[in-house]
C-alpha atoms as a PDB file:
ATOM      1  CA  MET A   1    -108.558  26.859  49.390  1.00  0.00           C
ATOM      2  CA  LEU A   2    -105.236  27.993  50.865  1.00  0.00           C
ATOM      3  CA  GLN A   3    -106.347  31.643  50.713  1.00  0.00           C
ATOM      4  CA  ARG A   4    -109.486  30.729  52.654  1.00  0.00           C
ATOM      5  CA  LYS A   5    -107.407  28.975  55.318  1.00  0.00           C
ATOM      6  CA  VAL A   6    -105.086  31.965  55.667  1.00  0.00           C
ATOM      7  CA  ARG A   7    -108.079  34.308  55.936  1.00  0.00           C
ATOM      8  CA  HIS A   8    -109.595  32.086  58.612  1.00  0.00           C
ATOM      9  CA  ALA A   9    -106.319  32.049  60.535  1.00  0.00           C
ATOM     10  CA  THR A  10    -106.125  35.847  60.326  1.00  0.00           C
ATOM     11  CA  LYS A  11    -109.673  36.158  61.651  1.00  0.00           C
ATOM     12  CA  MET A  12    -108.828  33.741  64.450  1.00  0.00           C
ATOM     13  CA  LEU A  13    -105.778  35.799  65.360  1.00  0.00           C
ATOM     14  CA  LEU A  14    -107.852  38.978  65.548  1.00  0.00           C
ATOM     15  CA  VAL A  15    -110.442  37.298  67.764  1.00  0.00           C
ATOM     16  CA  VAL A  16    -107.699  36.016  70.072  1.00  0.00           C
ATOM     17  CA  ALA A  17    -106.222  39.519  70.210  1.00  0.00           C
ATOM     18  CA  LEU A  18    -109.618  40.819  71.298  1.00  0.00           C
ATOM     19  CA  LEU A  19    -109.698  38.248  74.106  1.00  0.00           C
ATOM     20  CA  ILE A  20    -106.291  39.382  75.261  1.00  0.00           C
ATOM     21  CA  LEU A  21    -107.050  43.047  75.232  1.00  0.00           C
ATOM     22  CA  THR A  22    -110.494  42.893  76.823  1.00  0.00           C
ATOM     23  CA  GLY A  23    -110.274  39.778  78.978  1.00  0.00           C
ATOM     24  CA  THR A  24    -109.638  39.385  82.678  1.00  0.00           C
ATOM     25  CA  ASN A  25    -106.229  39.480  84.328  1.00  0.00           C
ATOM     26  CA  ALA A  26    -106.503  35.741  84.936  1.00  0.00           C
ATOM     27  CA  ILE A  27    -106.784  35.171  81.185  1.00  0.00           C
ATOM     28  CA  ALA A  28    -103.972  37.609  80.468  1.00  0.00           C
ATOM     29  CA  GLN A  29    -101.621  35.734  82.790  1.00  0.00           C
ATOM     30  CA  SER A  30    -102.372  32.329  81.295  1.00  0.00           C
ATOM     31  CA  SER A  31     -99.506  30.681  79.428  1.00  0.00           C
ATOM     32  CA  ALA A  32    -102.156  28.696  77.545  1.00  0.00           C
ATOM     33  CA  THR A  33    -103.493  31.947  76.091  1.00  0.00           C
ATOM     34  CA  VAL A  34     -99.999  33.003  75.009  1.00  0.00           C
ATOM     35  CA  ASN A  35     -99.589  29.631  73.306  1.00  0.00           C
ATOM     36  CA  LYS A  36    -102.955  30.040  71.602  1.00  0.00           C
ATOM     37  CA  ILE A  37    -102.020  33.459  70.221  1.00  0.00           C
ATOM     38  CA  ALA A  38     -98.604  32.214  69.096  1.00  0.00           C
ATOM     39  CA  LYS A  39    -100.222  29.275  67.325  1.00  0.00           C
ATOM     40  CA  ALA A  40    -102.683  31.595  65.563  1.00  0.00           C
ATOM     41  CA  MET A  41     -99.734  33.726  64.425  1.00  0.00           C
ATOM     42  CA  THR A  42     -97.948  30.666  63.062  1.00  0.00           C
ATOM     43  CA  ASP A  43    -101.127  29.410  61.370  1.00  0.00           C
ATOM     44  CA  SER A  44    -101.546  32.787  59.653  1.00  0.00           C
ATOM     45  CA  LEU A  45     -98.187  32.154  57.942  1.00  0.00           C
ATOM     46  CA  ALA A  46     -99.191  28.721  56.613  1.00  0.00           C
ATOM     47  CA  TYR A  47     -98.930  29.965  53.024  1.00  0.00           C
ATOM     48  CA  LEU A  48     -95.124  30.128  53.454  1.00  0.00           C
ATOM     49  CA  GLN A  49     -94.953  26.348  53.970  1.00  0.00           C
ATOM     50  CA  PHE A  50     -92.143  26.369  56.538  1.00  0.00           C
ATOM     51  CA  THR A  51     -89.647  23.519  56.461  1.00  0.00           C
ATOM     52  CA  SER A  52     -89.129  21.306  59.512  1.00  0.00           C
ATOM     53  CA  GLU A  53     -86.035  23.398  60.301  1.00  0.00           C
ATOM     54  CA  GLN A  54     -87.796  26.749  59.896  1.00  0.00           C
ATOM     55  CA  LYS A  55     -90.986  26.021  61.846  1.00  0.00           C
ATOM     56  CA  PRO A  56     -89.412  25.851  65.352  1.00  0.00           C
ATOM     57  CA  ALA A  57     -87.657  29.193  64.742  1.00  0.00           C
ATOM     58  CA  ALA A  58     -90.915  30.787  63.552  1.00  0.00           C
ATOM     59  CA  GLU A  59     -92.812  29.381  66.530  1.00  0.00           C
ATOM     60  CA  LYS A  60     -90.197  30.782  68.924  1.00  0.00           C
ATOM     61  CA  LEU A  61     -90.482  34.256  67.357  1.00  0.00           C
ATOM     62  CA  ASN A  62     -94.280  34.109  67.560  1.00  0.00           C
ATOM     63  CA  ASN A  63     -94.194  32.965  71.192  1.00  0.00           C
ATOM     64  CA  THR A  64     -91.963  35.912  72.074  1.00  0.00           C
ATOM     65  CA  ALA A  65     -94.267  38.338  70.230  1.00  0.00           C
ATOM     66  CA  ALA A  66     -97.386  36.845  71.844  1.00  0.00           C
ATOM     67  CA  SER A  67     -95.879  37.190  75.318  1.00  0.00           C
ATOM     68  CA  GLU A  68     -94.924  40.816  74.641  1.00  0.00           C
ATOM     69  CA  LEU A  69     -98.399  41.604  73.297  1.00  0.00           C
ATOM     70  CA  MET A  70     -99.873  40.171  76.504  1.00  0.00           C
ATOM     71  CA  GLN A  71     -97.698  42.480  78.584  1.00  0.00           C
ATOM     72  CA  VAL A  72     -98.793  45.466  76.501  1.00  0.00           C
ATOM     73  CA  ALA A  73    -102.436  44.419  76.915  1.00  0.00           C
ATOM     74  CA  LYS A  74    -102.039  44.210  80.701  1.00  0.00           C
ATOM     75  CA  LYS A  75    -100.476  47.665  80.738  1.00  0.00           C
ATOM     76  CA  ALA A  76    -103.316  49.070  78.599  1.00  0.00           C
ATOM     77  CA  ARG A  77    -105.924  47.691  81.009  1.00  0.00           C
ATOM     78  CA  ALA A  78    -104.092  48.968  84.073  1.00  0.00           C
ATOM     79  CA  ASP A  79    -103.286  52.412  82.654  1.00  0.00           C
ATOM     80  CA  THR A  80    -106.124  54.097  80.736  1.00  0.00           C
ATOM     81  CA  GLY A  81    -103.647  56.758  79.619  1.00  0.00           C
ATOM     82  CA  PHE A  82    -101.712  54.115  77.703  1.00  0.00           C
ATOM     83  CA  ARG A  83    -103.819  54.300  74.550  1.00  0.00           C
ATOM     84  CA  GLY A  84    -103.719  56.035  71.173  1.00  0.00           C
ATOM     85  CA  LYS A  85    -100.296  56.415  69.570  1.00  0.00           C
ATOM     86  CA  ALA A  86     -98.475  54.987  72.606  1.00  0.00           C
ATOM     87  CA  LEU A  87    -100.336  51.673  72.371  1.00  0.00           C
ATOM     88  CA  ALA A  88    -100.137  51.663  68.574  1.00  0.00           C
ATOM     89  CA  GLY A  89     -96.400  52.223  68.717  1.00  0.00           C
ATOM     90  CA  GLN A  90     -95.921  49.294  71.085  1.00  0.00           C
ATOM     91  CA  VAL A  91     -97.966  46.875  68.960  1.00  0.00           C
ATOM     92  CA  ILE A  92     -96.288  47.966  65.721  1.00  0.00           C
ATOM     93  CA  GLY A  93     -92.849  47.687  67.340  1.00  0.00           C
ATOM     94  CA  ILE A  94     -93.506  44.133  68.508  1.00  0.00           C
ATOM     95  CA  MET A  95     -94.777  43.020  65.107  1.00  0.00           C
ATOM     96  CA  LYS A  96     -91.893  44.721  63.277  1.00  0.00           C
ATOM     97  CA  GLN A  97     -89.373  42.942  65.482  1.00  0.00           C
ATOM     98  CA  ARG A  98     -91.094  39.616  64.862  1.00  0.00           C
ATOM     99  CA  ASN A  99     -91.202  40.198  61.111  1.00  0.00           C
ATOM    100  CA  ALA A 100     -87.521  41.162  61.029  1.00  0.00           C
ATOM    101  CA  GLY A 101     -86.710  37.876  62.778  1.00  0.00           C
ATOM    102  CA  LEU A 102     -88.874  35.902  60.358  1.00  0.00           C
ATOM    103  CA  GLN A 103     -87.223  37.390  57.294  1.00  0.00           C
ATOM    104  CA  LYS A 104     -83.858  36.108  58.474  1.00  0.00           C
ATOM    105  CA  ILE A 105     -85.084  32.514  58.132  1.00  0.00           C
ATOM    106  CA  PHE A 106     -86.959  32.934  54.819  1.00  0.00           C
ATOM    107  CA  ASN A 107     -85.714  31.515  51.537  1.00  0.00           C
ATOM    108  CA  PRO A 108     -85.998  33.796  48.428  1.00  0.00           C
ATOM    109  CA  GLU A 109     -89.415  32.437  47.418  1.00  0.00           C
ATOM    110  CA  GLN A 110     -90.808  32.891  50.932  1.00  0.00           C
ATOM    111  CA  GLN A 111     -89.396  36.415  51.042  1.00  0.00           C
ATOM    112  CA  LYS A 112     -91.256  37.225  47.804  1.00  0.00           C
ATOM    113  CA  LEU A 113     -94.526  35.750  49.090  1.00  0.00           C
ATOM    114  CA  PHE A 114     -94.178  37.594  52.397  1.00  0.00           C
ATOM    115  CA  GLN A 115     -93.730  40.940  50.621  1.00  0.00           C
ATOM    116  CA  GLU A 116     -96.745  40.220  48.404  1.00  0.00           C
ATOM    117  CA  ARG A 117     -98.792  39.752  51.567  1.00  0.00           C
ATOM    118  CA  LYS A 118     -97.541  43.048  53.019  1.00  0.00           C
ATOM    119  CA  VAL A 119    -100.867  44.770  52.439  1.00  0.00           C
ATOM    120  CA  ALA A 120    -102.775  42.073  54.332  1.00  0.00           C
ATOM    121  CA  GLN A 121    -100.178  42.113  57.117  1.00  0.00           C
ATOM    122  CA  MET A 122    -100.456  45.894  57.548  1.00  0.00           C
ATOM    123  CA  ALA A 123    -104.250  45.698  57.514  1.00  0.00           C
ATOM    124  CA  ASP A 124    -103.958  42.985  60.166  1.00  0.00           C
ATOM    125  CA  VAL A 125    -101.731  45.144  62.409  1.00  0.00           C
ATOM    126  CA  GLN A 126    -103.983  48.163  61.906  1.00  0.00           C
ATOM    127  CA  THR A 127    -106.992  46.094  62.922  1.00  0.00           C
ATOM    128  CA  LYS A 128    -105.188  44.789  66.031  1.00  0.00           C
ATOM    129  CA  ILE A 129    -104.541  48.372  67.084  1.00  0.00           C
ATOM    130  CA  MET A 130    -108.208  49.246  66.597  1.00  0.00           C
ATOM    131  CA  ILE A 131    -109.260  46.172  68.592  1.00  0.00           C
ATOM    132  CA  ALA A 132    -107.193  47.451  71.492  1.00  0.00           C
ATOM    133  CA  GLN A 133    -108.294  51.054  71.169  1.00  0.00           C
ATOM    134  CA  LEU A 134    -111.997  50.653  70.410  1.00  0.00           C
ATOM    135  CA  ASP A 135    -113.021  47.382  72.094  1.00  0.00           C
ATOM    136  CA  LEU A 136    -114.454  45.980  68.848  1.00  0.00           C
ATOM    137  CA  SER A 137    -117.104  43.263  68.945  1.00  0.00           C
ATOM    138  CA  ASP A 138    -116.502  39.914  67.225  1.00  0.00           C
ATOM    139  CA  THR A 139    -118.658  41.032  64.289  1.00  0.00           C
ATOM    140  CA  GLN A 140    -116.907  44.390  64.008  1.00  0.00           C
ATOM    141  CA  ILE A 141    -113.449  42.768  63.927  1.00  0.00           C
ATOM    142  CA  GLN A 142    -114.011  41.099  60.562  1.00  0.00           C
ATOM    143  CA  GLN A 143    -115.832  44.118  59.125  1.00  0.00           C
ATOM    144  CA  VAL A 144    -113.080  46.529  60.172  1.00  0.00           C
ATOM    145  CA  TYR A 145    -110.395  44.169  58.835  1.00  0.00           C
ATOM    146  CA  ASP A 146    -112.160  44.016  55.446  1.00  0.00           C
ATOM    147  CA  VAL A 147    -112.275  47.824  55.220  1.00  0.00           C
ATOM    148  CA  ASN A 148    -108.647  48.179  56.282  1.00  0.00           C
ATOM    149  CA  LEU A 149    -107.594  45.567  53.721  1.00  0.00           C
ATOM    150  CA  LYS A 150    -109.603  47.271  50.967  1.00  0.00           C
ATOM    151  CA  TYR A 151    -108.007  50.677  51.486  1.00  0.00           C
ATOM    152  CA  MET A 152    -104.509  49.716  52.634  1.00  0.00           C
ATOM    153  CA  ALA A 153    -103.367  48.917  49.064  1.00  0.00           C
ATOM    154  CA  LYS A 154    -104.676  52.291  47.834  1.00  0.00           C
ATOM    155  CA  ILE A 155    -103.085  54.174  50.722  1.00  0.00           C
ATOM    156  CA  LEU A 156     -99.705  52.471  50.253  1.00  0.00           C
ATOM    157  CA  GLU A 157     -99.765  53.188  46.510  1.00  0.00           C
ATOM    158  CA  ASP A 158    -100.644  56.854  47.159  1.00  0.00           C
ATOM    159  CA  LYS A 159     -97.817  57.045  49.700  1.00  0.00           C
ATOM    160  CA  ARG A 160     -95.388  55.549  47.164  1.00  0.00           C
ATOM    161  CA  LYS A 161     -96.433  58.118  44.534  1.00  0.00           C
ATOM    162  CA  LEU A 162     -96.190  60.946  47.073  1.00  0.00           C
ATOM    163  CA  ASP A 163     -92.635  59.938  48.012  1.00  0.00           C
ATOM    164  CA  ALA A 164     -91.697  59.642  44.320  1.00  0.00           C
ATOM    165  CA  ALA A 165     -93.171  63.024  43.302  1.00  0.00           C
ATOM    166  CA  THR A 166     -90.499  65.628  42.576  1.00  0.00           C
ATOM    167  CA  SER A 167     -92.548  68.779  41.928  1.00  0.00           C
ATOM    168  CA  LYS A 168     -94.531  70.767  44.460  1.00  0.00           C
ATOM    169  CA  LEU A 169     -97.666  70.379  42.325  1.00  0.00           C
ATOM    170  CA  GLY A 170     -97.106  66.628  42.050  1.00  0.00           C
ATOM    171  CA  LYS A 171     -96.707  66.246  45.806  1.00  0.00           C
ATOM    172  CA  LEU A 172     -99.869  68.295  46.397  1.00  0.00           C
ATOM    173  CA  LYS A 173    -101.825  66.114  43.961  1.00  0.00           C
ATOM    174  CA  GLU A 174    -100.680  62.843  45.536  1.00  0.00           C
ATOM    175  CA  SER A 175    -101.210  64.222  49.038  1.00  0.00           C
ATOM    176  CA  GLN A 176    -104.820  65.074  48.168  1.00  0.00           C
ATOM    177  CA  SER A 177    -105.314  61.586  46.718  1.00  0.00           C
ATOM    178  CA  LEU A 178    -103.948  60.039  49.904  1.00  0.00           C
ATOM    179  CA  LYS A 179    -106.225  62.145  52.096  1.00  0.00           C
ATOM    180  CA  GLY A 180    -109.189  61.276  49.857  1.00  0.00           C
ATOM    181  CA  ASP A 181    -108.632  57.527  50.260  1.00  0.00           C
ATOM    182  CA  MET A 182    -108.295  57.898  54.023  1.00  0.00           C
ATOM    183  CA  LYS A 183    -111.550  59.875  54.153  1.00  0.00           C
ATOM    184  CA  ASP A 184    -113.314  57.200  52.081  1.00  0.00           C
ATOM    185  CA  ARG A 185    -112.002  54.528  54.456  1.00  0.00           C
ATOM    186  CA  ASP A 186    -113.272  56.466  57.467  1.00  0.00           C
ATOM    187  CA  LYS A 187    -116.716  56.830  55.856  1.00  0.00           C
ATOM    188  CA  GLU A 188    -116.980  53.047  55.675  1.00  0.00           C
ATOM    189  CA  LEU A 189    -115.667  52.632  59.216  1.00  0.00           C
ATOM    190  CA  LYS A 190    -118.269  55.114  60.468  1.00  0.00           C
ATOM    191  CA  LYS A 191    -120.995  52.715  59.281  1.00  0.00           C
ATOM    192  CA  ILE A 192    -119.451  49.896  61.353  1.00  0.00           C
ATOM    193  CA  LEU A 193    -118.427  51.685  64.545  1.00  0.00           C
ATOM    194  CA  SER A 194    -120.670  53.125  67.227  1.00  0.00           C
ATOM    195  CA  PRO A 195    -120.669  56.954  67.586  1.00  0.00           C
ATOM    196  CA  ASP A 196    -118.401  56.709  70.645  1.00  0.00           C
ATOM    197  CA  GLN A 197    -116.017  54.305  68.904  1.00  0.00           C
ATOM    198  CA  TYR A 198    -115.831  56.502  65.811  1.00  0.00           C
ATOM    199  CA  ALA A 199    -115.147  59.629  67.878  1.00  0.00           C
ATOM    200  CA  LEU A 200    -112.338  57.798  69.674  1.00  0.00           C
ATOM    201  CA  HIS A 201    -110.988  56.513  66.351  1.00  0.00           C
ATOM    202  CA  GLN A 202    -110.836  60.053  64.973  1.00  0.00           C
ATOM    203  CA  LYS A 203    -109.075  61.259  68.115  1.00  0.00           C
ATOM    204  CA  HIS A 204    -106.408  58.576  67.778  1.00  0.00           C
ATOM    205  CA  GLN A 205    -105.991  59.325  64.067  1.00  0.00           C
ATOM    206  CA  GLN A 206    -105.380  62.979  64.852  1.00  0.00           C
ATOM    207  CA  GLU A 207    -102.800  62.041  67.491  1.00  0.00           C
ATOM    208  CA  ILE A 208    -100.944  59.798  65.049  1.00  0.00           C
ATOM    209  CA  GLU A 209    -101.035  62.437  62.292  1.00  0.00           C
ATOM    210  CA  ALA A 210     -99.684  65.027  64.737  1.00  0.00           C
ATOM    211  CA  ALA A 211     -96.855  62.663  65.703  1.00  0.00           C
ATOM    212  CA  ILE A 212     -95.985  62.080  62.021  1.00  0.00           C
ATOM    213  CA  LYS A 213     -95.923  65.820  61.301  1.00  0.00           C
ATOM    214  CA  GLU A 214     -93.706  66.366  64.330  1.00  0.00           C
ATOM    215  CA  LYS A 215     -91.213  63.764  63.087  1.00  0.00           C
ATOM    216  CA  MET A 216     -91.201  65.295  59.600  1.00  0.00           C
ATOM    217  CA  GLN A 217     -90.500  68.742  61.033  1.00  0.00           C
ATOM    218  CA  GLN A 218     -87.657  67.297  63.131  1.00  0.00           C
ATOM    219  CA  LYS A 219     -86.105  65.782  60.001  1.00  0.00           C
ATOM    220  CA  LYS A 220     -86.314  69.126  58.172  1.00  0.00           C
ATOM    221  CA  GLY A 221     -84.712  70.832  61.170  1.00  0.00           C
END
């Protein structure tokens, strides 16, 4: 029952994010909309069962994040060049900052639960980015989230094995496994997205991969 409620809250949050990122400027400037997004964020954390002392702190962090997401959405609508990795970086940064603040108020049991939900949280963030980038329909939002959730656990496990591999052959093997899972995920996404959406998705993926490679080369240098 609780899992169903959390899933519903996550879906609600994604729908609200779509309204932010595709709505009118009047909607974007509404404090009521910010409050609605913040509430959806708080509801999505219901499984943590915040105490009466913790809840106000969590709500404050979510209000701050919601307001910042609104500003990013306004910028994305005003500047068509603010898409791809730039937009993704902004959204991820906001959510990371919020999560860091939340973890400061968690007790040990909540910290454990939060980490166990990491896969769902990352799938949620990934879906938010795709909402902003691809203008997903209400139906597509849930479908894309389900695919992201399905493959996020596999991708994270492959990444863990790749980082742990010590031999060149081992790293090559895990790298191929990682690429294979990402290709399988994209095959499922292709069935959900329109041709234009999928082409744009691939373009953004290539931009992000190029940015990651650039950072890795900088570290080696």
